[in-house]
């Protein structure tokens, strides 16, 4: 695959997923504007992740049924409309409805693009291509905090979503001109049938097949649970951080709080080679190191209220661990079959549930037990993930045949 196309997939994935995470550094502003308590405002993130779950169940599998290029463009235009809806929200109900739509369409775009890239890549380079696209995703979700903080300090939180809507329309034009035509695996029979009823029946079979994959694919099951736990850790940290940094002794602005995403970006980019390591059969070693590092990152993070240096070290370690593990997970799962949209959709279900649960738990815990409670929660989830991986890894003799999980 040409480098320019790999870069396009990475940038488009990052810009799409950023919409799902703009709210994290703005939780205090949203709480003040809509009269939501700090303990309950994590629900904004949870409703967005609920939208992600719905997208993974209902929208992402469409990539295996419909022409992907048209599907991507239609979803991108709809995402721009949803962002405008959030910008114009006048009450909590309309805000939540807009966030639900943004979660659905932002996730559908992101995962659809990753599946698109995986299908377009040759087998020997799939780990590299997916790793590059996933690096774009992690860069997008981390830089989303930088962008949101900067724009919010200049134009308020509504300005964040207005500017993003304009960016999505510009991206739609770019993808329309540059995306290669790629026919979905099940698209040809549907065109031959030419009937809406036949298409609906195929769509229902496609949804059923997603649950079938979840039921019978052991790699997807194991790596999905690890993803659920690690993204619960990730959501716990980033959702609670805004409350720590906006209060004394820091008292930072939204711009400064968002800039901490740059530290996480450095760690995430450092893990970009994880896809290559998975291609070379070193997925187990990468997983062991990443899970251990994720657990150890909570030691410096525990000192964050008193040491900015400790906070920066903890962010770097946490994001390095999460990115390396995430890329490894997806590389292994995509080896397990050709249903790339459904495999990624099934895997990201675990991701969305973990992220939403972690965000809600973090705001509740922070309101009752402050930062120390958040650190205990994050460390406990990290330890659980490490133990789960250790218990479920395959014996070496099986790993040589089927690949380690």
Protein backbone atom coordinates (compact mmCIF):
# COMPACT_ATOMS: atom_id res chain seq x y z
CA UNK A 1 0.00 0.00 0.00
CA UNK A 2 1.41 3.45 -0.89
CA UNK A 3 2.59 5.53 2.06
CA UNK A 4 0.28 8.37 1.01
CA UNK A 5 -2.77 6.13 1.29
CA UNK A 6 -1.64 4.78 4.68
CA UNK A 7 -1.23 8.38 5.86
CA UNK A 8 -4.69 9.27 4.56
CA UNK A 9 -6.29 6.41 6.47
CA UNK A 10 -4.41 7.40 9.64
CA UNK A 11 -5.37 11.09 9.42
CA UNK A 12 -9.00 10.42 8.53
CA UNK A 13 -9.34 7.90 11.36
CA UNK A 14 -7.84 10.36 13.84
CA UNK A 15 -10.08 13.24 12.78
CA UNK A 16 -13.17 11.02 12.96
CA UNK A 17 -12.49 9.54 16.39
CA UNK A 18 -11.57 12.93 17.87
CA UNK A 19 -15.26 13.86 17.87
CA UNK A 20 -15.99 11.12 20.40
CA UNK A 21 -13.47 12.57 22.87
CA UNK A 22 -13.89 16.33 22.66
CA UNK A 23 -16.13 16.32 25.73
CA UNK A 24 -13.56 14.87 28.16
CA UNK A 25 -11.61 18.08 28.87
CA UNK A 26 -14.87 20.05 28.76
CA UNK A 27 -16.75 18.14 31.45
CA UNK A 28 -16.45 20.96 33.97
CA UNK A 29 -17.78 23.50 31.44
CA UNK A 30 -20.66 21.22 30.44
CA UNK A 31 -21.51 20.63 34.10
CA UNK A 32 -21.67 24.37 34.73
CA UNK A 33 -23.63 25.20 31.56
CA UNK A 34 -26.27 22.50 31.95
CA UNK A 35 -26.39 22.27 35.75
CA UNK A 36 -25.05 18.70 35.95
CA UNK A 37 -23.23 17.57 39.10
CA UNK A 38 -19.60 16.47 38.89
CA UNK A 39 -20.57 12.96 39.96
CA UNK A 40 -23.12 12.68 37.13
CA UNK A 41 -21.39 14.57 34.31
CA UNK A 42 -19.42 11.45 33.39
CA UNK A 43 -22.73 10.34 31.88
CA UNK A 44 -21.95 12.61 28.92
CA UNK A 45 -19.02 10.35 28.08
CA UNK A 46 -21.05 7.24 28.83
CA UNK A 47 -23.87 8.25 26.46
CA UNK A 48 -21.28 8.95 23.77
CA UNK A 49 -19.82 5.48 24.27
CA UNK A 50 -23.34 4.04 24.17
CA UNK A 51 -23.55 5.58 20.72
CA UNK A 52 -20.30 3.80 19.91
CA UNK A 53 -21.82 0.48 20.99
CA UNK A 54 -24.85 1.06 18.76
CA UNK A 55 -22.57 1.94 15.85
CA UNK A 56 -20.54 -1.21 16.32
CA UNK A 57 -23.70 -3.32 16.38
CA UNK A 58 -25.68 -1.59 13.64
CA UNK A 59 -23.43 0.53 11.41
CA UNK A 60 -19.91 -0.91 11.28
CA UNK A 61 -21.02 -4.32 9.89
CA UNK A 62 -22.46 -2.48 6.88
CA UNK A 63 -18.90 -2.27 5.57
CA UNK A 64 -19.14 -5.96 4.70
CA UNK A 65 -22.41 -5.41 2.83
CA UNK A 66 -22.38 -2.03 1.06
CA UNK A 67 -19.82 -0.26 -1.15
CA UNK A 68 -17.44 1.15 1.45
CA UNK A 69 -16.56 4.40 -0.25
CA UNK A 70 -20.19 5.55 -0.50
CA UNK A 71 -20.86 4.37 3.03
CA UNK A 72 -17.91 6.34 4.45
CA UNK A 73 -18.96 9.55 2.71
CA UNK A 74 -22.61 9.28 3.79
CA UNK A 75 -21.63 8.68 7.41
CA UNK A 76 -19.20 11.59 7.36
CA UNK A 77 -21.84 14.06 6.19
CA UNK A 78 -24.26 12.74 8.83
CA UNK A 79 -21.53 13.19 11.46
CA UNK A 80 -21.17 16.86 10.51
CA UNK A 81 -24.93 17.29 11.00
CA UNK A 82 -24.75 15.62 14.43
CA UNK A 83 -21.92 17.94 15.50
CA UNK A 84 -24.03 20.95 14.56
CA UNK A 85 -26.80 19.48 16.72
CA UNK A 86 -24.48 19.32 19.75
CA UNK A 87 -23.34 22.89 19.10
CA UNK A 88 -26.95 24.09 19.18
CA UNK A 89 -28.07 21.98 22.18
CA UNK A 90 -30.28 24.01 24.53
CA UNK A 91 -30.85 21.49 27.32
CA UNK A 92 -29.51 18.29 28.82
CA UNK A 93 -31.80 16.08 26.72
CA UNK A 94 -30.76 17.63 23.41
CA UNK A 95 -27.10 17.53 24.49
CA UNK A 96 -27.33 13.83 25.28
CA UNK A 97 -29.14 13.10 22.00
CA UNK A 98 -26.45 14.94 20.07
CA UNK A 99 -23.65 13.14 21.93
CA UNK A 100 -25.32 9.79 21.22
CA UNK A 101 -25.37 10.59 17.49
CA UNK A 102 -21.76 11.82 17.53
CA UNK A 103 -20.68 8.63 19.30
CA UNK A 104 -22.47 6.49 16.72
CA UNK A 105 -21.25 8.25 13.60
CA UNK A 106 -17.75 9.06 14.83
CA UNK A 107 -17.20 5.44 15.78
CA UNK A 108 -18.73 4.10 12.57
CA UNK A 109 -16.42 6.30 10.51
CA UNK A 110 -13.32 5.39 12.49
CA UNK A 111 -13.80 1.64 12.55
CA UNK A 112 -15.05 1.60 8.99
CA UNK A 113 -11.84 3.28 7.87
CA UNK A 114 -9.69 0.78 9.79
CA UNK A 115 -11.57 -2.12 8.21
CA UNK A 116 -11.23 -0.42 4.82
CA UNK A 117 -7.46 -0.16 5.32
CA UNK A 118 -7.18 -3.76 6.55
CA UNK A 119 -9.03 -5.08 3.50
CA UNK A 120 -6.94 -3.00 1.09
CA UNK A 121 -3.62 -4.14 2.63
CA UNK A 122 -1.76 -7.30 1.65
CA UNK A 123 -1.56 -10.02 4.30
CA UNK A 124 2.14 -9.52 5.03
CA UNK A 125 1.68 -5.78 5.69
CA UNK A 126 -1.69 -5.80 7.43
CA UNK A 127 -0.19 -5.39 10.90
CA UNK A 128 1.82 -2.38 9.72
CA UNK A 129 -1.14 -0.73 8.00
CA UNK A 130 -3.54 -1.36 10.87
CA UNK A 131 -0.87 -0.15 13.28
CA UNK A 132 -0.49 3.09 11.32
CA UNK A 133 -4.25 3.63 11.15
CA UNK A 134 -4.59 2.86 14.84
CA UNK A 135 -1.77 5.30 15.61
CA UNK A 136 -3.90 7.90 13.84
CA UNK A 137 -6.84 6.93 16.04
CA UNK A 138 -4.85 7.28 19.25
CA UNK A 139 -3.33 10.55 18.03
CA UNK A 140 -6.83 11.78 17.26
CA UNK A 141 -8.31 10.90 20.63
CA UNK A 142 -5.35 12.46 22.47
CA UNK A 143 -5.05 15.58 20.31
CA UNK A 144 -8.82 15.98 20.64
CA UNK A 145 -8.13 17.18 24.16
CA UNK A 146 -5.60 19.72 22.93
CA UNK A 147 -7.95 20.98 20.21
CA UNK A 148 -10.99 21.09 22.51
CA UNK A 149 -9.13 22.96 25.24
CA UNK A 150 -7.66 25.52 22.85
CA UNK A 151 -10.90 26.26 21.01
CA UNK A 152 -13.00 26.24 24.21
CA UNK A 153 -10.85 28.96 25.79
CA UNK A 154 -11.33 31.11 22.70
CA UNK A 155 -14.90 30.36 21.59
CA UNK A 156 -16.51 28.29 24.35
CA UNK A 157 -17.33 24.59 24.28
CA UNK A 158 -19.91 25.09 21.51
CA UNK A 159 -17.19 26.47 19.26
CA UNK A 160 -15.38 23.12 19.51
CA UNK A 161 -18.25 21.29 17.84
CA UNK A 162 -18.92 24.01 15.27
CA UNK A 163 -15.31 23.98 14.06
CA UNK A 164 -15.27 20.19 13.99
CA UNK A 165 -18.40 20.11 11.81
CA UNK A 166 -16.61 22.27 9.25
CA UNK A 167 -13.56 19.99 9.39
CA UNK A 168 -15.73 16.93 8.75
CA UNK A 169 -17.22 18.49 5.62
CA UNK A 170 -13.73 19.30 4.33
CA UNK A 171 -12.64 15.73 5.09
CA UNK A 172 -15.62 14.37 3.16
CA UNK A 173 -14.44 16.27 0.08
CA UNK A 174 -10.89 14.94 0.47
CA UNK A 175 -12.01 11.32 0.88
CA UNK A 176 -14.38 11.62 -2.07
CA UNK A 177 -11.41 12.55 -4.24
CA UNK A 178 -8.83 10.15 -2.80
CA UNK A 179 -10.40 6.96 -1.43
CA UNK A 180 -9.92 3.92 -3.67
CA UNK A 181 -13.06 2.13 -4.85
CA UNK A 182 -13.52 -1.07 -2.87
CA UNK A 183 -16.49 -3.41 -3.23
CA UNK A 184 -17.72 -5.01 -0.02
CA UNK A 185 -17.57 -8.80 0.18
CA UNK A 186 -21.36 -9.19 0.07
CA UNK A 187 -22.21 -6.24 -2.17
CA UNK A 188 -22.36 -8.04 -5.53
CA UNK A 189 -25.16 -10.49 -4.70
CA UNK A 190 -27.24 -7.64 -3.36
CA UNK A 191 -26.92 -5.64 -6.56
CA UNK A 192 -27.94 -8.70 -8.55
CA UNK A 193 -31.01 -9.21 -6.41
CA UNK A 194 -31.80 -5.52 -6.58
CA UNK A 195 -34.53 -5.66 -3.95
CA UNK A 196 -34.75 -3.78 -0.66
CA UNK A 197 -36.21 -6.85 1.05
CA UNK A 198 -33.23 -8.95 0.01
CA UNK A 199 -30.84 -6.28 1.24
CA UNK A 200 -32.65 -6.10 4.59
CA UNK A 201 -32.47 -9.87 4.98
CA UNK A 202 -28.76 -9.82 4.24
CA UNK A 203 -28.27 -7.04 6.77
CA UNK A 204 -30.05 -9.06 9.45
CA UNK A 205 -27.88 -12.08 8.63
CA UNK A 206 -24.84 -9.85 8.87
CA UNK A 207 -25.85 -8.68 12.36
CA UNK A 208 -26.45 -12.26 13.47
CA UNK A 209 -23.04 -13.23 12.13
CA UNK A 210 -21.44 -10.56 14.35
CA UNK A 211 -22.81 -12.30 17.44
CA UNK A 212 -21.72 -15.62 15.95
CA UNK A 213 -18.17 -14.29 15.73
CA UNK A 214 -18.34 -13.18 19.35
CA UNK A 215 -19.56 -16.63 20.34
CA UNK A 216 -17.08 -18.83 18.46
CA UNK A 217 -13.92 -16.75 18.01
CA UNK A 218 -11.72 -17.31 21.06
CA UNK A 219 -9.11 -14.75 20.00
CA UNK A 220 -11.85 -12.12 19.75
CA UNK A 221 -13.27 -13.11 23.14
CA UNK A 222 -9.96 -13.00 25.02
CA UNK A 223 -8.57 -9.90 23.36
CA UNK A 224 -11.96 -8.22 23.68
CA UNK A 225 -12.05 -8.64 27.45
CA UNK A 226 -8.49 -7.33 27.69
CA UNK A 227 -9.59 -4.32 25.62
CA UNK A 228 -12.59 -3.74 27.88
CA UNK A 229 -10.38 -3.62 30.95
CA UNK A 230 -7.60 -1.52 29.45
CA UNK A 231 -10.00 1.08 28.05
CA UNK A 232 -11.82 1.21 31.36
CA UNK A 233 -8.39 2.16 32.76
CA UNK A 234 -7.90 4.70 29.97
CA UNK A 235 -11.35 6.24 30.45
CA UNK A 236 -10.88 6.34 34.21
CA UNK A 237 -7.71 8.40 33.96
CA UNK A 238 -8.65 10.89 31.24
CA UNK A 239 -12.16 11.57 32.54
CA UNK A 240 -10.94 12.35 36.06
CA UNK A 241 -7.89 14.35 35.00
CA UNK A 242 -9.86 17.50 34.14
CA UNK A 243 -11.12 17.78 37.73
CA UNK A 244 -7.63 17.33 39.17
CA UNK A 245 -6.02 19.92 36.90
CA UNK A 246 -8.77 22.52 37.04
CA UNK A 247 -8.69 22.61 40.87
CA UNK A 248 -5.93 23.86 43.23
CA UNK A 249 -2.98 23.60 43.30
CA UNK A 250 -2.97 23.55 39.49
CA UNK A 251 -6.01 25.61 38.42
CA UNK A 252 -5.17 25.19 34.73
CA UNK A 253 -7.23 26.52 31.80
CA UNK A 254 -8.88 24.23 29.26
CA UNK A 255 -6.04 24.91 26.83
CA UNK A 256 -3.42 23.81 29.32
CA UNK A 257 -5.41 20.75 30.40
CA UNK A 258 -5.89 19.73 26.79
CA UNK A 259 -2.16 20.09 26.15
CA UNK A 260 -1.53 17.11 28.41
CA UNK A 261 -2.80 15.03 25.50
CA UNK A 262 0.51 15.82 23.77
CA UNK A 263 2.33 13.87 26.47
CA UNK A 264 0.08 10.90 25.88
CA UNK A 265 0.59 11.28 22.13
CA UNK A 266 4.34 10.85 22.56
CA UNK A 267 3.77 7.58 24.38
CA UNK A 268 1.23 6.38 21.84
CA UNK A 269 3.47 7.08 18.85
CA UNK A 270 6.34 5.29 20.56
CA UNK A 271 4.20 2.14 20.47
CA UNK A 272 3.47 2.30 16.74
CA UNK A 273 5.80 -0.64 16.04
CA UNK A 274 3.59 -3.00 18.02
CA UNK A 275 1.82 -4.04 14.81
CA UNK A 276 5.15 -5.08 13.27
CA UNK A 277 6.02 -7.09 16.38
CA UNK A 278 2.68 -8.89 16.13
CA UNK A 279 3.43 -9.70 12.46
CA UNK A 280 6.74 -11.20 13.62
CA UNK A 281 5.08 -13.49 16.18
CA UNK A 282 5.99 -11.50 19.31
CA UNK A 283 2.45 -10.58 20.35
CA UNK A 284 2.66 -12.39 23.69
CA UNK A 285 5.82 -10.58 24.73
CA UNK A 286 4.36 -7.23 23.70
CA UNK A 287 1.20 -7.95 25.68
CA UNK A 288 3.11 -8.91 28.82
CA UNK A 289 5.25 -5.78 28.77
CA UNK A 290 2.31 -3.47 27.94
CA UNK A 291 0.04 -4.84 30.67
CA UNK A 292 2.80 -4.63 33.26
CA UNK A 293 3.62 -1.06 32.24
CA UNK A 294 -0.06 -0.10 32.44
CA UNK A 295 -0.18 -1.33 36.03
CA UNK A 296 3.09 0.37 37.01
CA UNK A 297 1.98 3.70 35.49
CA UNK A 298 -0.41 4.21 38.41
CA UNK A 299 2.50 4.52 40.83
CA UNK A 300 3.70 7.91 39.51
CA UNK A 301 0.09 8.92 38.80
CA UNK A 302 -0.70 8.53 42.51
CA UNK A 303 1.69 11.43 43.18
CA UNK A 304 0.08 13.67 40.54
CA UNK A 305 -1.63 16.05 43.04
CA UNK A 306 1.82 16.95 44.39
CA UNK A 307 4.19 16.47 41.43
CA UNK A 308 3.73 17.58 37.84
CA UNK A 309 6.75 15.48 36.83
CA UNK A 310 5.16 12.34 38.25
CA UNK A 311 1.96 13.10 36.34
CA UNK A 312 3.83 13.48 33.04
CA UNK A 313 5.74 10.22 33.57
CA UNK A 314 2.51 8.41 34.39
CA UNK A 315 0.71 9.73 31.29
CA UNK A 316 3.60 8.72 29.04
CA UNK A 317 3.72 5.20 30.47
CA UNK A 318 -0.06 4.69 30.43
CA UNK A 319 -0.55 5.77 26.83
CA UNK A 320 2.47 3.80 25.63
CA UNK A 321 1.04 0.66 27.26
CA UNK A 322 -2.52 1.13 26.00
CA UNK A 323 -1.50 1.87 22.42
CA UNK A 324 0.91 -1.08 22.19
CA UNK A 325 -1.73 -3.44 23.55
CA UNK A 326 -4.49 -2.04 21.36
CA UNK A 327 -2.51 -2.44 18.14
CA UNK A 328 -1.45 -5.94 19.16
CA UNK A 329 -5.05 -6.90 19.89
CA UNK A 330 -6.32 -5.74 16.52
CA UNK A 331 -3.46 -7.32 14.60
CA UNK A 332 -4.22 -10.69 16.17
CA UNK A 333 -7.97 -10.43 15.70
CA UNK A 334 -7.69 -9.51 12.02
CA UNK A 335 -5.73 -12.71 11.42
CA UNK A 336 -8.73 -14.72 12.57
CA UNK A 337 -10.85 -14.20 9.45
CA UNK A 338 -11.71 -12.06 6.44
CA UNK A 339 -14.81 -10.42 7.94
CA UNK A 340 -12.76 -7.36 8.84
CA UNK A 341 -15.64 -4.95 9.52
CA UNK A 342 -17.40 -7.41 11.79
CA UNK A 343 -14.20 -8.51 13.55
CA UNK A 344 -13.29 -4.91 14.32
CA UNK A 345 -16.89 -4.11 15.24
CA UNK A 346 -17.01 -7.01 17.68
CA UNK A 347 -13.68 -6.07 19.23
CA UNK A 348 -14.58 -2.41 19.59
CA UNK A 349 -17.79 -3.32 21.41
CA UNK A 350 -15.58 -4.25 24.33
CA UNK A 351 -13.64 -1.01 23.88
CA UNK A 352 -16.75 1.16 23.97
CA UNK A 353 -18.21 -0.57 27.02
CA UNK A 354 -14.92 -0.25 28.87
CA UNK A 355 -14.47 3.42 27.98
CA UNK A 356 -18.00 4.37 28.98
CA UNK A 357 -17.92 2.42 32.23
CA UNK A 358 -14.50 3.82 33.13
CA UNK A 359 -15.58 7.42 32.54
CA UNK A 360 -18.71 7.09 34.66
CA UNK A 361 -16.90 5.23 37.43
CA UNK A 362 -14.10 7.81 37.46
CA UNK A 363 -16.38 10.80 38.01
CA UNK A 364 -18.32 8.99 40.73
CA UNK A 365 -15.15 7.84 42.50
CA UNK A 366 -13.51 11.26 42.20
CA UNK A 367 -16.56 12.91 43.76
CA UNK A 368 -16.41 10.55 46.75
CA UNK A 369 -12.74 9.57 47.16
CA UNK A 370 -10.81 12.22 45.18
CA UNK A 371 -7.69 11.40 43.15
CA UNK A 372 -6.48 8.62 45.45
CA UNK A 373 -9.71 6.72 44.80
CA UNK A 374 -9.27 7.13 41.04
CA UNK A 375 -5.74 5.72 41.26
CA UNK A 376 -6.91 2.71 43.25
CA UNK A 377 -9.65 2.10 40.69
CA UNK A 378 -7.23 2.36 37.76
CA UNK A 379 -4.60 0.15 39.39
CA UNK A 380 -7.21 -2.47 40.29
CA UNK A 381 -8.49 -2.62 36.72
CA UNK A 382 -4.92 -2.82 35.39
CA UNK A 383 -4.08 -5.72 37.71
CA UNK A 384 -7.26 -7.53 36.67
CA UNK A 385 -6.29 -7.16 32.99
CA UNK A 386 -2.80 -8.54 33.64
CA UNK A 387 -4.15 -11.53 35.57
CA UNK A 388 -6.79 -12.24 32.92
CA UNK A 389 -4.15 -12.25 30.16
CA UNK A 390 -1.95 -14.60 32.16
CA UNK A 391 -4.79 -17.06 32.80
CA UNK A 392 -6.12 -17.12 29.22
CA UNK A 393 -2.94 -17.15 27.11
CA UNK A 394 -2.52 -20.20 24.94
CA UNK A 395 0.21 -22.80 25.53
CA UNK A 396 3.30 -22.32 23.36
CA UNK A 397 2.62 -25.42 21.26
CA UNK A 398 -0.81 -24.06 20.25
CA UNK A 399 0.47 -20.53 19.74
CA UNK A 400 2.91 -21.82 17.10
CA UNK A 401 0.00 -23.09 15.02
CA UNK A 402 -2.73 -20.52 15.59
CA UNK A 403 -0.83 -17.50 16.84
CA UNK A 404 -0.71 -16.25 20.42
CA UNK A 405 -3.65 -14.41 21.87
